Amino acid sequence: MTSTVALAVALLSGSAAFASGRDPTQDAAVASAQDTTPQAVASAETDLPSDILVLGTRRTDRTLANSPSPVDIISSADLTSQPAANMIDALKNIVPSFYAGQNSISDASTFVRSPSLRGLSGDQVLVMLNGKRYNRSALVQVYGGSDTGLGRGAQDPDISAIPSLAIGNLQVLREGATAQYGSDAIAGVLNYGLREDQGIELVGRAGQYYAGDGESYQISGNDGLKGDWGFINATGEYVDEGQTSRGRQRPSAANFAQNFPALASQLPNHPLPAQIWGNSPSHGFKSVLNAALNVTPDSKLYFFGNYAQSKGNQSFNYRPSVSSTAVDTNGVVRNQGANGAFNNTFFLTPCPTGNATCPSGGFVQDGNTFRYSQLYPAGGGDAAAVPACPSNGATTGMAAERVLLHPQTRRLSRIIGKAIGRGISMIGRVAAS
């Protein structure tokens, strides 16, 4: 259904150690622990004797081939070769038991998607960077439909803030490890090992869908220095993804365009359907810094941090401003009612002080009024964000405040529609062996 064109350019420089490849523990694409055939065991023990698995076990001498738990070790090449700008999409293409839906209208869950491992919610998956817990996002998932309904109420890390080029390897423990890691590892563990190699690498990608929309552009860069003193490795990535629309025009919006042709251009997303059913447009950048300084032969001072910022524009449900009718596929006439907020007239003149017939907190029923059609003559998604107050001229004080603050409410709704997600994770400690 889709087509993606990927372009990659790599500029490599550095020492002879880098020319021979990254660390074996970082770039080795090895078989899953479930593949225990003699050939796989022989290959793991003969070709990669230093590939020691530390995830899901307290022993340091256990290799991947004889691990008691199913563990996938995914190399950096596997992640960067995926035609996806999002770590979530790249990972779900590689690990069958990992899934995350792409929702069209799901409030803030559009920006911080809740993944699933082994059919369990995202906050039951432990995410780590270099073996340290990765910070959870501030969002509590509110979306309760489609494939990600199981994540409702979950508060999980936003792994989409991690650029793929910054990863040396990824260990995926596809089995619960609560006894070792805690209750957030019921579904399993994702341990991202950050790159420590030397050299410069640049990757670019561009593509779009067959329908001609959804243009996607990505550029990533990694630079590393390494020596007897330690190492420092930095990664940056910028992504710009366009909007897709795969829905049809709603009958209420089609009726409005036919009955009020002069106002048709004010329909949301004109000339596309008033309610977008597809991917939301977004852009942003991600960065990771990983460094260590050798203090003594047996100790080091290390630091790694992650900073990301993304901005997107999400579609809302369309709220019609006028009522109309439409015939469904069975020939039944259906009423396309106007949204409730558009049916109310709000009086804006406060009652005079000391007027016995117009109590304090009420409003005078005069010509000083407001209707949402003044802001959205063709309807929209913002109008329903404000609760409608009674139109009898004797509103309560709270209702009056809602009426007088309608411009601020409109601004708040637009801020929600253009949400900004930020993720920061920084760790610095002294480690001694």
Protein backbone atom coordinates (compact mmCIF):
# COMPACT_ATOMS: atom_id res chain seq x y z
CA MET A 1 0.00 0.00 0.00
CA THR A 2 2.95 2.31 0.51
CA SER A 3 6.27 2.93 -1.13
CA THR A 4 9.36 4.36 0.51
CA VAL A 5 12.62 5.33 -1.16
CA ALA A 6 15.68 5.26 1.09
CA LEU A 7 18.96 7.00 0.33
CA ALA A 8 22.00 6.52 2.56
CA VAL A 9 25.46 8.05 2.51
CA ALA A 10 28.17 7.03 4.96
CA LEU A 11 31.41 8.87 5.56
CA LEU A 12 33.77 6.81 7.66
CA SER A 13 37.00 7.96 9.23
CA GLY A 14 39.08 7.17 12.29
CA SER A 15 41.48 4.60 13.54
CA ALA A 16 42.19 1.15 12.19
CA ALA A 17 40.02 -0.22 14.96
CA PHE A 18 37.01 1.59 13.50
CA ALA A 19 37.89 0.46 9.98
CA SER A 20 37.49 -3.11 11.11
CA GLY A 21 33.97 -2.38 12.40
CA ARG A 22 32.29 -1.43 15.64
CA ASP A 23 32.49 -3.36 18.87
CA PRO A 24 31.43 -7.01 18.45
CA THR A 25 28.86 -6.46 21.21
CA GLN A 26 27.47 -3.48 19.32
CA ASP A 27 27.34 -4.52 15.69
CA ALA A 28 26.83 -8.28 15.87
CA ALA A 29 23.55 -9.35 14.32
CA VAL A 30 23.12 -12.75 15.92
CA ALA A 31 20.33 -15.28 15.97
CA SER A 32 17.58 -15.22 18.59
CA ALA A 33 17.99 -17.32 21.68
CA GLN A 34 15.09 -19.43 20.50
CA ASP A 35 17.23 -20.67 17.59
CA THR A 36 19.13 -23.41 19.40
CA THR A 37 20.06 -25.65 16.47
CA PRO A 38 23.61 -27.07 16.57
CA GLN A 39 24.60 -24.89 13.64
CA ALA A 40 23.45 -21.73 15.39
CA VAL A 41 25.21 -22.71 18.61
CA ALA A 42 28.43 -23.49 16.81
CA SER A 43 28.31 -20.22 14.93
CA ALA A 44 27.67 -18.18 18.08
CA GLU A 45 30.45 -19.90 20.01
CA THR A 46 33.00 -19.98 17.16
CA ASP A 47 32.48 -16.72 15.33
CA LEU A 48 31.41 -14.48 18.21
CA PRO A 49 33.03 -15.82 21.38
CA SER A 50 32.94 -12.39 23.03
CA ASP A 51 29.21 -11.87 22.54
CA ILE A 52 28.26 -12.10 26.21
CA LEU A 53 24.65 -11.60 27.20
CA VAL A 54 24.00 -9.75 30.48
CA LEU A 55 20.28 -9.00 30.05
CA GLY A 56 17.94 -11.22 32.03
CA THR A 57 20.68 -13.01 34.00
CA ARG A 58 22.99 -12.24 36.93
CA ARG A 59 25.83 -14.26 35.42
CA THR A 60 28.49 -12.65 33.24
CA ASP A 61 29.76 -15.81 31.54
CA ARG A 62 26.59 -16.78 29.70
CA THR A 63 26.55 -16.47 25.93
CA LEU A 64 23.52 -15.74 23.80
CA ALA A 65 23.26 -19.25 22.41
CA ASN A 66 22.67 -20.93 25.80
CA SER A 67 20.65 -18.17 27.44
CA PRO A 68 17.67 -19.56 29.39
CA SER A 69 15.45 -16.65 28.22
CA PRO A 70 14.45 -15.62 24.69
CA VAL A 71 16.58 -12.57 23.86
CA ASP A 72 16.96 -10.77 20.53
CA ILE A 73 20.17 -8.82 19.92
CA ILE A 74 19.55 -6.25 17.19
CA SER A 75 22.50 -4.49 15.60
CA SER A 76 22.80 -0.84 14.67
CA ALA A 77 22.73 -1.81 10.99
CA ASP A 78 19.36 -3.53 11.46
CA LEU A 79 17.83 -0.40 13.00
CA THR A 80 19.26 2.19 10.59
CA SER A 81 18.30 0.10 7.54
CA GLN A 82 14.59 0.39 8.37
CA PRO A 83 12.73 2.98 6.22
CA ALA A 84 11.26 4.69 9.28
CA ALA A 85 12.14 7.89 11.12
CA ASN A 86 10.60 6.65 14.36
CA MET A 87 12.33 4.15 16.64
CA ILE A 88 8.94 2.59 17.41
CA ASP A 89 8.21 1.87 13.74
CA ALA A 90 11.73 0.55 13.14
CA LEU A 91 11.49 -1.82 16.10
CA LYS A 92 8.05 -3.19 15.26
CA ASN A 93 9.37 -4.13 11.81
CA ILE A 94 12.11 -6.24 13.41
CA VAL A 95 10.64 -7.78 16.58
CA PRO A 96 7.38 -9.70 15.92
CA SER A 97 6.21 -9.51 19.54
CA PHE A 98 6.61 -5.69 19.62
CA TYR A 99 3.72 -3.60 18.28
CA ALA A 100 2.52 0.00 18.30
CA GLY A 101 -0.48 1.31 16.38
CA GLN A 102 -0.54 4.49 14.29
CA ASN A 103 -3.65 6.41 15.30
CA SER A 104 -5.22 9.26 13.37
CA ILE A 105 -7.14 10.99 16.17
CA SER A 106 -6.00 10.12 19.68
CA ASP A 107 -5.21 13.43 21.42
CA ALA A 108 -1.70 13.50 22.94
CA SER A 109 -1.31 9.76 22.31
CA THR A 110 -0.65 10.74 18.70
CA PHE A 111 2.67 12.24 19.80
CA VAL A 112 3.69 9.75 22.51
CA ARG A 113 2.54 6.40 21.15
CA SER A 114 2.14 3.52 23.58
CA PRO A 115 3.91 0.37 22.34
CA SER A 116 3.15 -3.20 23.35
CA LEU A 117 5.46 -6.15 23.97
CA ARG A 118 3.96 -9.64 24.16
CA GLY A 119 0.46 -8.15 24.23
CA LEU A 120 1.07 -6.10 27.40
CA SER A 121 0.96 -2.31 27.78
CA GLY A 122 3.94 0.00 27.41
CA ASP A 123 4.41 0.75 31.12
CA GLN A 124 5.01 -2.96 31.70
CA VAL A 125 8.07 -2.87 29.41
CA LEU A 126 11.32 -1.79 31.06
CA VAL A 127 13.36 0.49 28.78
CA MET A 128 17.03 1.06 29.57
CA LEU A 129 19.94 3.02 28.10
CA ASN A 130 23.31 1.42 28.75
CA GLY A 131 21.67 -0.71 31.42
CA LYS A 132 20.10 2.28 33.25
CA ARG A 133 16.38 2.96 33.43
CA TYR A 134 15.10 5.37 30.78
CA ASN A 135 12.83 8.17 32.02
CA ARG A 136 9.10 7.81 31.44
CA SER A 137 7.22 10.48 29.54
CA ALA A 138 4.84 12.84 31.33
CA LEU A 139 1.83 11.59 29.33
CA VAL A 140 -0.72 9.21 30.79
CA GLN A 141 -2.25 7.49 27.76
CA VAL A 142 -5.89 8.47 27.22
CA TYR A 143 -6.61 6.73 23.93
CA GLY A 144 -8.82 3.68 24.42
CA GLY A 145 -9.71 2.47 20.95
CA SER A 146 -8.30 0.45 18.07
CA ASP A 147 -5.21 -1.70 18.59
CA THR A 148 -3.67 0.42 21.36
CA GLY A 149 -6.68 0.35 23.69
CA LEU A 150 -4.67 -1.86 26.05
CA GLY A 151 -2.38 1.12 26.74
CA ARG A 152 -5.12 3.32 28.21
CA GLY A 153 -3.93 4.74 31.52
CA ALA A 154 -0.34 3.63 30.90
CA GLN A 155 2.63 5.92 31.48
CA ASP A 156 5.52 4.60 29.45
CA PRO A 157 8.84 5.92 28.08
CA ASP A 158 8.82 7.68 24.73
CA ILE A 159 11.39 5.62 22.85
CA SER A 160 10.67 7.55 19.66
CA ALA A 161 12.94 10.27 21.13
CA ILE A 162 15.98 8.00 20.59
CA PRO A 163 17.65 8.30 17.15
CA SER A 164 18.42 4.93 15.58
CA LEU A 165 21.91 6.02 14.54
CA ALA A 166 22.92 6.44 18.20
CA ILE A 167 22.38 2.76 19.00
CA GLY A 168 25.25 0.26 18.99
CA ASN A 169 22.98 -2.68 19.75
CA LEU A 170 19.59 -3.40 21.25
CA GLN A 171 18.86 -6.35 23.53
CA VAL A 172 15.20 -7.35 23.71
CA LEU A 173 14.26 -9.72 26.53
CA ARG A 174 10.96 -11.23 25.39
CA GLU A 175 10.07 -12.67 28.78
CA GLY A 176 8.99 -11.20 32.09
CA ALA A 177 11.84 -10.37 34.48
CA THR A 178 9.99 -8.86 37.43
CA ALA A 179 12.08 -10.67 40.06
CA GLN A 180 15.25 -9.09 38.71
CA TYR A 181 14.16 -5.68 37.42
CA GLY A 182 10.85 -4.87 39.13
CA SER A 183 7.17 -4.67 38.21
CA ASP A 184 7.81 -2.53 35.11
CA ALA A 185 9.51 -5.53 33.45
CA ILE A 186 6.45 -7.81 33.41
CA ALA A 187 6.33 -7.78 29.61
CA GLY A 188 10.08 -7.75 29.05
CA VAL A 189 13.09 -5.46 28.75
CA LEU A 190 14.51 -3.23 26.01
CA ASN A 191 18.14 -2.37 26.69
CA TYR A 192 19.67 0.14 24.24
CA GLY A 193 23.46 0.09 24.13
CA LEU A 194 24.75 3.46 22.91
CA ARG A 195 27.60 3.66 20.42
CA GLU A 196 31.17 4.04 21.65
CA ASP A 197 33.06 3.82 18.35
CA GLN A 198 35.14 6.37 16.47
CA GLY A 199 34.43 7.97 13.11
CA ILE A 200 31.86 10.03 11.22
CA GLU A 201 28.66 8.65 9.72
CA LEU A 202 25.92 10.50 7.83
CA VAL A 203 22.60 8.99 6.75
CA GLY A 204 19.84 10.60 4.68
CA ARG A 205 16.42 9.27 3.72
CA ALA A 206 13.57 10.62 1.60
CA GLY A 207 10.28 9.08 0.50
CA GLN A 208 6.55 9.44 0.06
CA TYR A 209 3.42 7.35 -0.41
CA TYR A 210 2.00 6.17 -3.73
CA ALA A 211 -0.92 8.56 -3.25
CA GLY A 212 1.50 11.47 -3.59
CA ASP A 213 1.34 12.70 0.00
CA GLY A 214 3.16 11.92 3.24
CA GLU A 215 6.55 13.21 2.11
CA SER A 216 9.17 12.18 4.63
CA TYR A 217 12.70 13.51 5.03
CA GLN A 218 15.35 12.47 7.52
CA ILE A 219 19.00 13.30 8.04
CA SER A 220 21.15 11.81 10.80
CA GLY A 221 24.77 12.20 11.78
CA ASN A 222 27.09 10.47 14.23
CA ASP A 223 30.58 11.57 15.29
CA GLY A 224 32.85 9.73 17.70
CA LEU A 225 36.33 10.04 19.19
CA LYS A 226 38.08 7.24 21.05
CA GLY A 227 41.45 6.74 22.69
CA ASP A 228 43.28 5.59 25.81
CA TRP A 229 41.65 8.47 27.67
CA GLY A 230 38.12 7.22 26.92
CA PHE A 231 35.56 8.11 24.28
CA ILE A 232 32.91 10.63 23.31
CA ASN A 233 30.15 9.91 20.82
CA ALA A 234 27.41 12.31 19.67
CA THR A 235 24.38 11.74 17.43
CA GLY A 236 21.89 14.21 15.96
CA GLU A 237 18.83 13.67 13.79
CA TYR A 238 16.23 15.88 12.08
CA VAL A 239 12.92 14.52 10.72
CA ASP A 240 10.13 16.16 8.73
CA GLU A 241 7.08 14.01 7.93
CA GLY A 242 4.12 15.22 5.89
CA GLN A 243 0.42 14.60 6.35
CA THR A 244 -1.52 11.75 4.77
CA SER A 245 -5.27 11.66 4.18
CA ARG A 246 -7.13 8.46 3.33
CA GLY A 247 -10.67 9.34 4.40
CA ARG A 248 -13.76 10.60 2.56
CA GLN A 249 -15.63 13.85 3.10
CA ARG A 250 -18.22 13.65 5.86
CA PRO A 251 -21.83 14.14 4.70
CA SER A 252 -22.32 17.15 6.99
CA ALA A 253 -19.25 18.89 5.50
CA ALA A 254 -20.28 17.98 1.94
CA ASN A 255 -23.76 19.40 2.57
CA PHE A 256 -22.27 22.62 3.95
CA ALA A 257 -20.06 23.09 0.88
CA GLN A 258 -23.08 22.56 -1.39
CA ASN A 259 -25.44 24.84 0.55
CA PHE A 260 -22.89 27.60 1.29
CA PRO A 261 -20.40 27.59 -1.59
CA ALA A 262 -19.00 31.00 -0.61
CA LEU A 263 -17.90 29.56 2.77
CA ALA A 264 -16.69 26.18 1.51
CA SER A 265 -13.06 27.33 1.64
CA GLN A 266 -13.38 27.79 5.42
CA LEU A 267 -14.04 24.12 6.03
CA PRO A 268 -11.19 22.59 8.09
CA ASN A 269 -8.35 21.18 5.94
CA HIS A 270 -9.97 22.44 2.73
CA PRO A 271 -9.83 21.08 -0.01
CA LEU A 272 -9.10 17.78 1.79
CA PRO A 273 -11.82 16.10 3.87
CA ALA A 274 -12.84 18.19 6.88
CA GLN A 275 -11.77 15.38 9.18
CA ILE A 276 -8.33 13.99 8.35
CA TRP A 277 -7.97 10.21 8.55
CA GLY A 278 -4.27 9.54 8.23
CA ASN A 279 -0.88 10.45 9.68
CA SER A 280 -0.46 13.84 11.31
CA PRO A 281 2.28 16.14 9.96
CA SER A 282 5.24 16.52 12.31
CA HIS A 283 8.84 17.61 12.48
CA GLY A 284 11.54 17.71 15.13
CA PHE A 285 15.04 16.72 16.13
CA LYS A 286 16.66 14.16 18.43
CA SER A 287 20.12 14.02 19.97
CA VAL A 288 22.17 11.66 22.13
CA LEU A 289 25.56 12.14 23.81
CA ASN A 290 27.51 9.21 25.23
CA ALA A 291 30.93 9.70 26.85
CA ALA A 292 33.33 8.12 29.34
CA LEU A 293 36.67 9.22 30.83
CA ASN A 294 39.11 6.61 32.09
CA VAL A 295 40.12 7.75 35.59
CA THR A 296 42.21 4.72 36.60
CA PRO A 297 42.72 1.30 35.00
CA ASP A 298 39.80 0.06 37.11
CA SER A 299 37.43 3.02 37.11
CA LYS A 300 35.86 5.55 34.79
CA LEU A 301 33.63 8.61 34.85
CA TYR A 302 30.78 8.27 32.37
CA PHE A 303 27.90 10.38 31.15
CA PHE A 304 25.12 9.99 28.61
CA GLY A 305 22.15 12.15 27.81
CA ASN A 306 19.20 12.33 25.43
CA TYR A 307 17.30 15.43 24.28
CA ALA A 308 14.51 15.50 21.73
CA GLN A 309 11.82 17.92 20.62
CA SER A 310 8.98 17.29 18.21
CA LYS A 311 6.02 19.32 16.99
CA GLY A 312 2.93 17.95 15.27
CA ASN A 313 -0.49 19.09 14.08
CA GLN A 314 -3.21 16.60 14.92
CA SER A 315 -6.68 16.52 13.41
CA PHE A 316 -9.84 16.64 15.56
CA ASN A 317 -13.31 15.27 14.98
CA TYR A 318 -15.28 17.60 12.71
CA ARG A 319 -18.11 19.50 14.42
CA PRO A 320 -20.68 20.85 11.93
CA SER A 321 -22.06 24.34 12.48
CA VAL A 322 -25.45 23.72 10.81
CA SER A 323 -27.86 20.78 10.62
CA SER A 324 -28.54 18.84 7.44
CA THR A 325 -29.64 15.40 6.26
CA ALA A 326 -27.97 12.61 4.30
CA VAL A 327 -29.04 9.23 2.92
CA ASP A 328 -27.02 6.22 4.04
CA THR A 329 -26.19 3.14 1.92
CA ASN A 330 -29.47 1.50 2.93
CA GLY A 331 -31.54 4.45 1.71
CA VAL A 332 -32.36 5.68 5.21
CA VAL A 333 -32.36 9.45 5.76
CA ARG A 334 -30.02 10.35 8.62
CA ASN A 335 -29.95 13.68 10.45
CA GLN A 336 -26.55 15.41 10.49
CA GLY A 337 -27.08 17.58 13.55
CA ALA A 338 -25.07 20.69 14.33
CA ASN A 339 -22.70 20.53 17.27
CA GLY A 340 -24.30 21.71 20.50
CA ALA A 341 -21.90 24.60 20.97
CA PHE A 342 -23.09 26.17 17.69
CA ASN A 343 -26.75 26.09 18.82
CA ASN A 344 -26.21 28.48 21.72
CA THR A 345 -26.32 32.28 21.83
CA PHE A 346 -24.11 33.74 24.56
CA PHE A 347 -25.09 37.12 26.04
CA LEU A 348 -22.09 39.25 26.93
CA THR A 349 -23.52 42.32 28.74
CA PRO A 350 -23.32 41.79 32.53
CA CYS A 351 -26.31 42.68 34.66
CA PRO A 352 -26.14 46.18 36.21
CA THR A 353 -25.31 46.38 39.89
CA GLY A 354 -28.34 46.49 42.15
CA ASN A 355 -30.89 45.53 39.47
CA ALA A 356 -33.58 43.40 41.09
CA THR A 357 -34.75 41.83 37.83
CA CYS A 358 -31.23 41.01 36.60
CA PRO A 359 -29.32 39.23 39.36
CA SER A 360 -25.59 39.61 39.90
CA GLY A 361 -23.63 37.18 37.74
CA GLY A 362 -26.29 37.17 35.04
CA PHE A 363 -26.37 38.82 31.63
CA VAL A 364 -28.73 41.16 29.85
CA GLN A 365 -30.61 39.71 26.88
CA ASP A 366 -29.66 42.40 24.42
CA GLY A 367 -27.94 42.50 21.05
CA ASN A 368 -24.44 42.06 22.52
CA THR A 369 -24.11 38.35 21.87
CA PHE A 370 -21.62 35.77 20.69
CA ARG A 371 -22.03 32.58 18.68
CA TYR A 372 -19.32 30.10 17.71
CA SER A 373 -20.21 30.51 14.06
CA GLN A 374 -18.47 33.90 14.29
CA LEU A 375 -15.15 32.08 14.75
CA TYR A 376 -15.93 28.92 12.79
CA PRO A 377 -18.67 29.60 10.23
CA ALA A 378 -18.01 26.23 8.57
CA GLY A 379 -17.60 24.30 11.81
CA GLY A 380 -14.38 22.85 13.15
CA GLY A 381 -12.71 20.95 15.94
CA ASP A 382 -12.17 23.76 18.45
CA ALA A 383 -15.78 24.70 19.19
CA ALA A 384 -16.69 21.68 21.29
CA ALA A 385 -13.75 22.36 23.62
CA VAL A 386 -15.86 25.01 25.40
CA PRO A 387 -18.87 23.84 27.44
CA ALA A 388 -22.09 25.49 26.27
CA CYS A 389 -23.79 27.66 28.89
CA PRO A 390 -27.56 28.33 29.11
CA SER A 391 -29.07 30.86 26.71
CA ASN A 392 -31.74 32.16 29.08
CA GLY A 393 -29.81 35.30 30.09
CA ALA A 394 -29.38 34.25 33.71
CA THR A 395 -26.17 32.28 33.58
CA THR A 396 -24.11 31.35 36.59
CA GLY A 397 -20.86 33.07 37.44
CA MET A 398 -18.79 30.13 36.21
CA ALA A 399 -20.65 29.98 32.93
CA ALA A 400 -20.10 33.71 32.50
CA GLU A 401 -16.36 33.22 32.97
CA ARG A 402 -16.33 30.55 30.27
CA VAL A 403 -18.08 32.89 27.84
CA LEU A 404 -15.77 35.84 28.47
CA LEU A 405 -12.66 33.65 28.10
CA HIS A 406 -13.62 32.04 24.79
CA PRO A 407 -10.57 33.52 22.92
CA GLN A 408 -8.24 31.96 25.50
CA THR A 409 -10.07 28.66 25.24
CA ARG A 410 -9.68 28.74 21.50
CA ARG A 411 -5.93 29.35 21.90
CA LEU A 412 -5.65 26.46 24.39
CA SER A 413 -7.37 24.12 21.96
CA ARG A 414 -4.95 25.11 19.22
CA ILE A 415 -2.02 24.48 21.54
CA ILE A 416 -3.35 20.99 22.19
CA GLY A 417 -3.79 20.51 18.45
CA LYS A 418 -0.16 21.52 17.89
CA ALA A 419 1.32 19.72 20.87
CA ILE A 420 5.00 19.87 21.62
CA GLY A 421 6.58 16.76 23.08
CA ARG A 422 9.93 16.91 24.73
CA GLY A 423 11.96 14.11 26.24
CA ILE A 424 15.09 14.54 28.32
CA SER A 425 17.10 11.82 29.98
CA MET A 426 20.54 12.41 31.50
CA ILE A 427 22.65 10.17 33.72
CA GLY A 428 26.14 10.71 35.09
CA ARG A 429 27.91 8.47 37.59
CA VAL A 430 31.28 7.09 38.62
CA ALA A 431 31.72 3.38 37.95
CA ALA A 432 34.48 1.22 39.42
CA SER A 433 35.13 -2.41 38.65
